[in-house]
Amino acid sequence: MKKSALLSAVAQESGLTKAQVESVLAATATQVEAVIKSGEDSVTVLGIKIGSRQVAERSYPNLKDPSAAPTVKSAHTAATFKAGKALKEAVA
């Protein structure tokens, strides 16, 4: 589903205008990003029944190339999504 289709569907379901829905979705995305950047582990919105966003540590695999100089790659953090029970049941 593309953004315009999502906006139309949510606007029709909620009775809001597309502009209002777009504003709410943008504000939600901004707040989720801010919370994750602040160092909190996850964002869970139980009433929506979709899932939660989390921060996970990712490490690089040990890849060796004997012809290249050794490089050191450090672990990094990445945003992940964990589907909620209702979403899992809906798509099963």
PDB file of N, CA and C in Angstrom:
ATOM      1  N   MET A   1       0.839  -1.170   0.000  1.00  0.00           N
ATOM      2  CA  MET A   1       0.000   0.000   0.000  1.00  0.00           C
ATOM      3  C   MET A   1       0.887   1.237   0.000  1.00  0.00           C
ATOM      4  N   LYS A   2       0.580   2.132  -0.874  1.00  0.00           N
ATOM      5  CA  LYS A   2       1.335   3.378  -0.961  1.00  0.00           C
ATOM      6  C   LYS A   2       0.762   4.399   0.015  1.00  0.00           C
ATOM      7  N   LYS A   3       1.539   5.448   0.245  1.00  0.00           N
ATOM      8  CA  LYS A   3       1.171   6.467   1.225  1.00  0.00           C
ATOM      9  C   LYS A   3      -0.189   7.087   0.918  1.00  0.00           C
ATOM     10  N   SER A   4      -0.457   7.422  -0.343  1.00  0.00           N
ATOM     11  CA  SER A   4      -1.720   8.077  -0.692  1.00  0.00           C
ATOM     12  C   SER A   4      -2.913   7.163  -0.417  1.00  0.00           C
ATOM     13  N   ALA A   5      -2.761   5.870  -0.677  1.00  0.00           N
ATOM     14  CA  ALA A   5      -3.843   4.922  -0.405  1.00  0.00           C
ATOM     15  C   ALA A   5      -4.064   4.777   1.101  1.00  0.00           C
ATOM     16  N   LEU A   6      -2.988   4.751   1.865  1.00  0.00           N
ATOM     17  CA  LEU A   6      -3.100   4.670   3.321  1.00  0.00           C
ATOM     18  C   LEU A   6      -3.788   5.911   3.869  1.00  0.00           C
ATOM     19  N   LEU A   7      -3.380   7.087   3.398  1.00  0.00           N
ATOM     20  CA  LEU A   7      -4.010   8.326   3.849  1.00  0.00           C
ATOM     21  C   LEU A   7      -5.506   8.328   3.546  1.00  0.00           C
ATOM     22  N   SER A   8      -5.873   7.899   2.350  1.00  0.00           N
ATOM     23  CA  SER A   8      -7.289   7.865   1.967  1.00  0.00           C
ATOM     24  C   SER A   8      -8.082   6.902   2.847  1.00  0.00           C
ATOM     25  N   ALA A   9      -7.516   5.713   3.087  1.00  0.00           N
ATOM     26  CA  ALA A   9      -8.213   4.713   3.895  1.00  0.00           C
ATOM     27  C   ALA A   9      -8.395   5.175   5.333  1.00  0.00           C
ATOM     28  N   VAL A  10      -7.350   5.739   5.921  1.00  0.00           N
ATOM     29  CA  VAL A  10      -7.438   6.213   7.305  1.00  0.00           C
ATOM     30  C   VAL A  10      -8.374   7.408   7.397  1.00  0.00           C
ATOM     31  N   ALA A  11      -8.334   8.291   6.418  1.00  0.00           N
ATOM     32  CA  ALA A  11      -9.230   9.455   6.414  1.00  0.00           C
ATOM     33  C   ALA A  11     -10.684   9.003   6.346  1.00  0.00           C
ATOM     34  N   GLN A  12     -10.963   8.038   5.509  1.00  0.00           N
ATOM     35  CA  GLN A  12     -12.331   7.539   5.375  1.00  0.00           C
ATOM     36  C   GLN A  12     -12.787   6.845   6.660  1.00  0.00           C
ATOM     37  N   GLU A  13     -11.908   6.052   7.259  1.00  0.00           N
ATOM     38  CA  GLU A  13     -12.240   5.319   8.482  1.00  0.00           C
ATOM     39  C   GLU A  13     -12.437   6.256   9.678  1.00  0.00           C
ATOM     40  N   SER A  14     -11.616   7.298   9.758  1.00  0.00           N
ATOM     41  CA  SER A  14     -11.631   8.165  10.940  1.00  0.00           C
ATOM     42  C   SER A  14     -12.515   9.397  10.809  1.00  0.00           C
ATOM     43  N   GLY A  15     -12.853   9.770   9.591  1.00  0.00           N
ATOM     44  CA  GLY A  15     -13.634  10.984   9.385  1.00  0.00           C
ATOM     45  C   GLY A  15     -12.781  12.241   9.335  1.00  0.00           C
ATOM     46  N   LEU A  16     -11.466  12.081   9.354  1.00  0.00           N
ATOM     47  CA  LEU A  16     -10.549  13.216   9.242  1.00  0.00           C
ATOM     48  C   LEU A  16     -10.249  13.486   7.772  1.00  0.00           C
ATOM     49  N   THR A  17      -9.676  14.652   7.489  1.00  0.00           N
ATOM     50  CA  THR A  17      -9.244  14.938   6.126  1.00  0.00           C
ATOM     51  C   THR A  17      -7.904  14.262   5.881  1.00  0.00           C
ATOM     52  N   LYS A  18      -7.547  14.118   4.625  1.00  0.00           N
ATOM     53  CA  LYS A  18      -6.252  13.517   4.283  1.00  0.00           C
ATOM     54  C   LYS A  18      -5.104  14.344   4.854  1.00  0.00           C
ATOM     55  N   ALA A  19      -5.235  15.663   4.832  1.00  0.00           N
ATOM     56  CA  ALA A  19      -4.188  16.534   5.365  1.00  0.00           C
ATOM     57  C   ALA A  19      -4.015  16.318   6.867  1.00  0.00           C
ATOM     58  N   GLN A  20      -5.133  16.156   7.582  1.00  0.00           N
ATOM     59  CA  GLN A  20      -5.049  15.904   9.018  1.00  0.00           C
ATOM     60  C   GLN A  20      -4.390  14.552   9.298  1.00  0.00           C
ATOM     61  N   VAL A  21      -4.762  13.540   8.532  1.00  0.00           N
ATOM     62  CA  VAL A  21      -4.185  12.204   8.711  1.00  0.00           C
ATOM     63  C   VAL A  21      -2.695  12.241   8.419  1.00  0.00           C
ATOM     64  N   GLU A  22      -2.301  12.924   7.356  1.00  0.00           N
ATOM     65  CA  GLU A  22      -0.884  13.023   7.015  1.00  0.00           C
ATOM     66  C   GLU A  22      -0.109  13.721   8.129  1.00  0.00           C
ATOM     67  N   SER A  23      -0.699  14.761   8.702  1.00  0.00           N
ATOM     68  CA  SER A  23      -0.061  15.478   9.798  1.00  0.00           C
ATOM     69  C   SER A  23       0.114  14.575  11.020  1.00  0.00           C
ATOM     70  N   VAL A  24      -0.902  13.798  11.342  1.00  0.00           N
ATOM     71  CA  VAL A  24      -0.832  12.889  12.488  1.00  0.00           C
ATOM     72  C   VAL A  24       0.222  11.801  12.249  1.00  0.00           C
ATOM     73  N   LEU A  25       0.253  11.222  11.055  1.00  0.00           N
ATOM     74  CA  LEU A  25       1.250  10.185  10.756  1.00  0.00           C
ATOM     75  C   LEU A  25       2.667  10.742  10.787  1.00  0.00           C
ATOM     76  N   ALA A  26       2.846  11.949  10.280  1.00  0.00           N
ATOM     77  CA  ALA A  26       4.174  12.569  10.297  1.00  0.00           C
ATOM     78  C   ALA A  26       4.614  12.854  11.734  1.00  0.00           C
ATOM     79  N   ALA A  27       3.697  13.349  12.554  1.00  0.00           N
ATOM     80  CA  ALA A  27       4.030  13.625  13.952  1.00  0.00           C
ATOM     81  C   ALA A  27       4.341  12.338  14.707  1.00  0.00           C
ATOM     82  N   THR A  28       3.609  11.280  14.423  1.00  0.00           N
ATOM     83  CA  THR A  28       3.866   9.983  15.058  1.00  0.00           C
ATOM     84  C   THR A  28       5.242   9.473  14.680  1.00  0.00           C
ATOM     85  N   ALA A  29       5.576   9.519  13.410  1.00  0.00           N
ATOM     86  CA  ALA A  29       6.887   9.049  12.952  1.00  0.00           C
ATOM     87  C   ALA A  29       8.003   9.880  13.582  1.00  0.00           C
ATOM     88  N   THR A  30       7.803  11.180  13.693  1.00  0.00           N
ATOM     89  CA  THR A  30       8.797  12.057  14.304  1.00  0.00           C
ATOM     90  C   THR A  30       9.005  11.702  15.767  1.00  0.00           C
ATOM     91  N   GLN A  31       7.930  11.445  16.481  1.00  0.00           N
ATOM     92  CA  GLN A  31       8.038  11.113  17.900  1.00  0.00           C
ATOM     93  C   GLN A  31       8.690   9.748  18.121  1.00  0.00           C
ATOM     94  N   VAL A  32       8.358   8.768  17.290  1.00  0.00           N
ATOM     95  CA  VAL A  32       8.993   7.445  17.399  1.00  0.00           C
ATOM     96  C   VAL A  32      10.492   7.582  17.158  1.00  0.00           C
ATOM     97  N   GLU A  33      10.864   8.344  16.144  1.00  0.00           N
ATOM     98  CA  GLU A  33      12.278   8.573  15.841  1.00  0.00           C
ATOM     99  C   GLU A  33      12.984   9.264  17.005  1.00  0.00           C
ATOM    100  N   ALA A  34      12.338  10.259  17.595  1.00  0.00           N
ATOM    101  CA  ALA A  34      12.938  10.993  18.712  1.00  0.00           C
ATOM    102  C   ALA A  34      13.136  10.096  19.928  1.00  0.00           C
ATOM    103  N   VAL A  35      12.162   9.246  20.213  1.00  0.00           N
ATOM    104  CA  VAL A  35      12.272   8.342  21.360  1.00  0.00           C
ATOM    105  C   VAL A  35      13.409   7.362  21.158  1.00  0.00           C
ATOM    106  N   ILE A  36      13.515   6.789  19.979  1.00  0.00           N
ATOM    107  CA  ILE A  36      14.574   5.817  19.707  1.00  0.00           C
ATOM    108  C   ILE A  36      15.939   6.494  19.728  1.00  0.00           C
ATOM    109  N   LYS A  37      16.037   7.706  19.178  1.00  0.00           N
ATOM    110  CA  LYS A  37      17.302   8.441  19.202  1.00  0.00           C
ATOM    111  C   LYS A  37      17.723   8.807  20.619  1.00  0.00           C
ATOM    112  N   SER A  38      16.750   8.997  21.505  1.00  0.00           N
ATOM    113  CA  SER A  38      17.066   9.381  22.878  1.00  0.00           C
ATOM    114  C   SER A  38      17.654   8.236  23.688  1.00  0.00           C
ATOM    115  N   GLY A  39      17.623   7.037  23.144  1.00  0.00           N
ATOM    116  CA  GLY A  39      18.232   5.906  23.829  1.00  0.00           C
ATOM    117  C   GLY A  39      17.248   4.962  24.483  1.00  0.00           C
ATOM    118  N   GLU A  40      15.960   5.258  24.430  1.00  0.00           N
ATOM    119  CA  GLU A  40      14.991   4.322  24.989  1.00  0.00           C
ATOM    120  C   GLU A  40      14.969   3.072  24.128  1.00  0.00           C
ATOM    121  N   ASP A  41      14.698   1.939  24.760  1.00  0.00           N
ATOM    122  CA  ASP A  41      14.781   0.659  24.070  1.00  0.00           C
ATOM    123  C   ASP A  41      13.675   0.418  23.058  1.00  0.00           C
ATOM    124  N   SER A  42      12.463   0.842  23.352  1.00  0.00           N
ATOM    125  CA  SER A  42      11.380   0.515  22.436  1.00  0.00           C
ATOM    126  C   SER A  42      10.223   1.498  22.553  1.00  0.00           C
ATOM    127  N   VAL A  43       9.365   1.453  21.545  1.00  0.00           N
ATOM    128  CA  VAL A  43       8.121   2.219  21.529  1.00  0.00           C
ATOM    129  C   VAL A  43       7.015   1.203  21.292  1.00  0.00           C
ATOM    130  N   THR A  44       6.113   1.089  22.244  1.00  0.00           N
ATOM    131  CA  THR A  44       5.006   0.147  22.117  1.00  0.00           C
ATOM    132  C   THR A  44       3.711   0.904  22.330  1.00  0.00           C
ATOM    133  N   VAL A  45       2.803   0.808  21.372  1.00  0.00           N
ATOM    134  CA  VAL A  45       1.496   1.439  21.484  1.00  0.00           C
ATOM    135  C   VAL A  45       0.479   0.318  21.520  1.00  0.00           C
ATOM    136  N   LEU A  46       0.033  -0.032  22.705  1.00  0.00           N
ATOM    137  CA  LEU A  46      -0.819  -1.201  22.881  1.00  0.00           C
ATOM    138  C   LEU A  46      -2.192  -1.048  22.247  1.00  0.00           C
ATOM    139  N   GLY A  47      -2.772   0.121  22.245  1.00  0.00           N
ATOM    140  CA  GLY A  47      -4.112   0.308  21.721  1.00  0.00           C
ATOM    141  C   GLY A  47      -4.226   0.112  20.216  1.00  0.00           C
ATOM    142  N   ILE A  48      -3.134   0.248  19.501  1.00  0.00           N
ATOM    143  CA  ILE A  48      -3.171   0.136  18.045  1.00  0.00           C
ATOM    144  C   ILE A  48      -3.089  -1.318  17.592  1.00  0.00           C
ATOM    145  N   LYS A  49      -2.472  -2.177  18.386  1.00  0.00           N
ATOM    146  CA  LYS A  49      -2.387  -3.617  18.136  1.00  0.00           C
ATOM    147  C   LYS A  49      -1.582  -3.958  16.895  1.00  0.00           C
ATOM    148  N   ILE A  50      -0.589  -3.180  16.556  1.00  0.00           N
ATOM    149  CA  ILE A  50       0.233  -3.462  15.387  1.00  0.00           C
ATOM    150  C   ILE A  50       1.542  -4.104  15.805  1.00  0.00           C
ATOM    151  N   GLY A  51       2.269  -3.462  16.683  1.00  0.00           N
ATOM    152  CA  GLY A  51       3.563  -3.982  17.099  1.00  0.00           C
ATOM    153  C   GLY A  51       4.372  -2.906  17.778  1.00  0.00           C
ATOM    154  N   SER A  52       5.664  -3.170  17.914  1.00  0.00           N
ATOM    155  CA  SER A  52       6.525  -2.208  18.589  1.00  0.00           C
ATOM    156  C   SER A  52       7.807  -1.993  17.814  1.00  0.00           C
ATOM    157  N   ARG A  53       8.351  -0.817  17.960  1.00  0.00           N
ATOM    158  CA  ARG A  53       9.644  -0.477  17.384  1.00  0.00           C
ATOM    159  C   ARG A  53      10.680  -0.633  18.473  1.00  0.00           C
ATOM    160  N   GLN A  54      11.834  -1.186  18.125  1.00  0.00           N
ATOM    161  CA  GLN A  54      12.882  -1.402  19.102  1.00  0.00           C
ATOM    162  C   GLN A  54      14.224  -1.049  18.507  1.00  0.00           C
ATOM    163  N   VAL A  55      15.202  -0.897  19.383  1.00  0.00           N
ATOM    164  CA  VAL A  55      16.569  -0.672  18.959  1.00  0.00           C
ATOM    165  C   VAL A  55      17.340  -1.949  19.250  1.00  0.00           C
ATOM    166  N   ALA A  56      18.097  -2.432  18.268  1.00  0.00           N
ATOM    167  CA  ALA A  56      18.866  -3.664  18.441  1.00  0.00           C
ATOM    168  C   ALA A  56      20.316  -3.421  18.054  1.00  0.00           C
ATOM    169  N   GLU A  57      21.198  -4.100  18.739  1.00  0.00           N
ATOM    170  CA  GLU A  57      22.621  -4.048  18.394  1.00  0.00           C
ATOM    171  C   GLU A  57      22.885  -5.005  17.247  1.00  0.00           C
ATOM    172  N   ARG A  58      23.573  -4.546  16.246  1.00  0.00           N
ATOM    173  CA  ARG A  58      23.947  -5.374  15.102  1.00  0.00           C
ATOM    174  C   ARG A  58      25.466  -5.454  15.056  1.00  0.00           C
ATOM    175  N   SER A  59      25.978  -6.637  14.836  1.00  0.00           N
ATOM    176  CA  SER A  59      27.422  -6.779  14.699  1.00  0.00           C
ATOM    177  C   SER A  59      27.744  -7.210  13.276  1.00  0.00           C
ATOM    178  N   TYR A  60      28.928  -6.896  12.849  1.00  0.00           N
ATOM    179  CA  TYR A  60      29.353  -7.285  11.523  1.00  0.00           C
ATOM    180  C   TYR A  60      29.893  -8.705  11.565  1.00  0.00           C
ATOM    181  N   PRO A  61      29.672  -9.493  10.518  1.00  0.00           N
ATOM    182  CA  PRO A  61      30.236 -10.839  10.491  1.00  0.00           C
ATOM    183  C   PRO A  61      31.747 -10.780  10.304  1.00  0.00           C
ATOM    184  N   ASN A  62      32.419 -11.815  10.696  1.00  0.00           N
ATOM    185  CA  ASN A  62      33.870 -11.884  10.519  1.00  0.00           C
ATOM    186  C   ASN A  62      34.171 -12.378   9.104  1.00  0.00           C
ATOM    187  N   LEU A  63      34.383 -11.458   8.220  1.00  0.00           N
ATOM    188  CA  LEU A  63      34.721 -11.777   6.840  1.00  0.00           C
ATOM    189  C   LEU A  63      36.207 -11.548   6.648  1.00  0.00           C
ATOM    190  N   LYS A  64      36.861 -12.483   6.032  1.00  0.00           N
ATOM    191  CA  LYS A  64      38.303 -12.345   5.855  1.00  0.00           C
ATOM    192  C   LYS A  64      38.652 -12.336   4.377  1.00  0.00           C
ATOM    193  N   ASP A  65      39.480 -11.419   4.022  1.00  0.00           N
ATOM    194  CA  ASP A  65      40.030 -11.331   2.679  1.00  0.00           C
ATOM    195  C   ASP A  65      41.538 -11.218   2.857  1.00  0.00           C
ATOM    196  N   PRO A  66      42.263 -12.315   2.619  1.00  0.00           N
ATOM    197  CA  PRO A  66      43.694 -12.300   2.890  1.00  0.00           C
ATOM    198  C   PRO A  66      44.469 -11.274   2.072  1.00  0.00           C
ATOM    199  N   SER A  67      43.951 -10.873   0.928  1.00  0.00           N
ATOM    200  CA  SER A  67      44.677  -9.918   0.093  1.00  0.00           C
ATOM    201  C   SER A  67      44.466  -8.475   0.551  1.00  0.00           C
ATOM    202  N   ALA A  68      43.487  -8.237   1.371  1.00  0.00           N
ATOM    203  CA  ALA A  68      43.195  -6.874   1.816  1.00  0.00           C
ATOM    204  C   ALA A  68      43.766  -6.643   3.214  1.00  0.00           C
ATOM    205  N   ALA A  69      44.001  -5.407   3.499  1.00  0.00           N
ATOM    206  CA  ALA A  69      44.465  -5.047   4.837  1.00  0.00           C
ATOM    207  C   ALA A  69      43.332  -5.305   5.829  1.00  0.00           C
ATOM    208  N   PRO A  70      43.661  -5.720   7.033  1.00  0.00           N
ATOM    209  CA  PRO A  70      42.592  -5.981   7.992  1.00  0.00           C
ATOM    210  C   PRO A  70      41.853  -4.689   8.360  1.00  0.00           C
ATOM    211  N   THR A  71      40.548  -4.791   8.400  1.00  0.00           N
ATOM    212  CA  THR A  71      39.731  -3.643   8.787  1.00  0.00           C
ATOM    213  C   THR A  71      38.930  -4.014  10.023  1.00  0.00           C
ATOM    214  N   VAL A  72      38.685  -3.054  10.841  1.00  0.00           N
ATOM    215  CA  VAL A  72      37.910  -3.281  12.051  1.00  0.00           C
ATOM    216  C   VAL A  72      36.573  -2.574  11.882  1.00  0.00           C
ATOM    217  N   LYS A  73      35.504  -3.342  11.957  1.00  0.00           N
ATOM    218  CA  LYS A  73      34.163  -2.776  11.870  1.00  0.00           C
ATOM    219  C   LYS A  73      33.498  -2.962  13.217  1.00  0.00           C
ATOM    220  N   SER A  74      32.937  -1.908  13.716  1.00  0.00           N
ATOM    221  CA  SER A  74      32.309  -1.990  15.024  1.00  0.00           C
ATOM    222  C   SER A  74      30.818  -2.280  14.885  1.00  0.00           C
ATOM    223  N   ALA A  75      30.239  -2.700  15.979  1.00  0.00           N
ATOM    224  CA  ALA A  75      28.802  -2.950  16.002  1.00  0.00           C
ATOM    225  C   ALA A  75      28.058  -1.624  15.868  1.00  0.00           C
ATOM    226  N   HIS A  76      26.829  -1.702  15.439  1.00  0.00           N
ATOM    227  CA  HIS A  76      26.012  -0.506  15.319  1.00  0.00           C
ATOM    228  C   HIS A  76      24.597  -0.820  15.781  1.00  0.00           C
ATOM    229  N   THR A  77      23.808   0.196  15.961  1.00  0.00           N
ATOM    230  CA  THR A  77      22.421  -0.002  16.358  1.00  0.00           C
ATOM    231  C   THR A  77      21.518   0.182  15.149  1.00  0.00           C
ATOM    232  N   ALA A  78      20.406  -0.528  15.163  1.00  0.00           N
ATOM    233  CA  ALA A  78      19.446  -0.448  14.068  1.00  0.00           C
ATOM    234  C   ALA A  78      18.039  -0.492  14.645  1.00  0.00           C
ATOM    235  N   ALA A  79      17.112   0.216  14.028  1.00  0.00           N
ATOM    236  CA  ALA A  79      15.719   0.165  14.443  1.00  0.00           C
ATOM    237  C   ALA A  79      15.096  -1.113  13.895  1.00  0.00           C
ATOM    238  N   THR A  80      14.347  -1.808  14.731  1.00  0.00           N
ATOM    239  CA  THR A  80      13.674  -3.037  14.309  1.00  0.00           C
ATOM    240  C   THR A  80      12.188  -2.913  14.614  1.00  0.00           C
ATOM    241  N   PHE A  81      11.415  -3.814  14.048  1.00  0.00           N
ATOM    242  CA  PHE A  81       9.970  -3.834  14.276  1.00  0.00           C
ATOM    243  C   PHE A  81       9.577  -5.232  14.704  1.00  0.00           C
ATOM    244  N   LYS A  82       8.797  -5.332  15.775  1.00  0.00           N
ATOM    245  CA  LYS A  82       8.289  -6.613  16.242  1.00  0.00           C
ATOM    246  C   LYS A  82       6.772  -6.580  16.125  1.00  0.00           C
ATOM    247  N   ALA A  83       6.230  -7.463  15.304  1.00  0.00           N
ATOM    248  CA  ALA A  83       4.788  -7.487  15.084  1.00  0.00           C
ATOM    249  C   ALA A  83       4.058  -7.912  16.342  1.00  0.00           C
ATOM    250  N   GLY A  84       2.934  -7.276  16.612  1.00  0.00           N
ATOM    251  CA  GLY A  84       2.109  -7.617  17.759  1.00  0.00           C
ATOM    252  C   GLY A  84       1.257  -8.839  17.477  1.00  0.00           C
ATOM    253  N   LYS A  85       0.637  -9.380  18.519  1.00  0.00           N
ATOM    254  CA  LYS A  85      -0.166 -10.596  18.418  1.00  0.00           C
ATOM    255  C   LYS A  85      -1.320 -10.435  17.430  1.00  0.00           C
ATOM    256  N   ALA A  86      -2.015  -9.305  17.496  1.00  0.00           N
ATOM    257  CA  ALA A  86      -3.154  -9.080  16.609  1.00  0.00           C
ATOM    258  C   ALA A  86      -2.741  -9.051  15.149  1.00  0.00           C
ATOM    259  N   LEU A  87      -1.599  -8.418  14.848  1.00  0.00           N
ATOM    260  CA  LEU A  87      -1.104  -8.361  13.473  1.00  0.00           C
ATOM    261  C   LEU A  87      -0.676  -9.753  13.001  1.00  0.00           C
ATOM    262  N   LYS A  88      -0.010 -10.499  13.858  1.00  0.00           N
ATOM    263  CA  LYS A  88       0.418 -11.858  13.506  1.00  0.00           C
ATOM    264  C   LYS A  88      -0.788 -12.730  13.190  1.00  0.00           C
ATOM    265  N   GLU A  89      -1.832 -12.637  14.013  1.00  0.00           N
ATOM    266  CA  GLU A  89      -3.027 -13.434  13.798  1.00  0.00           C
ATOM    267  C   GLU A  89      -3.778 -12.999  12.536  1.00  0.00           C
ATOM    268  N   ALA A  90      -3.751 -11.712  12.235  1.00  0.00           N
ATOM    269  CA  ALA A  90      -4.447 -11.205  11.057  1.00  0.00           C
ATOM    270  C   ALA A  90      -3.837 -11.700   9.759  1.00  0.00           C
ATOM    271  N   VAL A  91      -2.526 -11.882   9.740  1.00  0.00           N
ATOM    272  CA  VAL A  91      -1.871 -12.288   8.492  1.00  0.00           C
ATOM    273  C   VAL A  91      -1.622 -13.796   8.425  1.00  0.00           C
ATOM    274  N   ALA A  92      -1.917 -14.502   9.493  1.00  0.00           N
ATOM    275  CA  ALA A  92      -1.693 -15.959   9.505  1.00  0.00           C
ATOM    276  C   ALA A  92      -2.760 -16.694   8.742  1.00  0.00           C
TER     277      ALA A  92
END
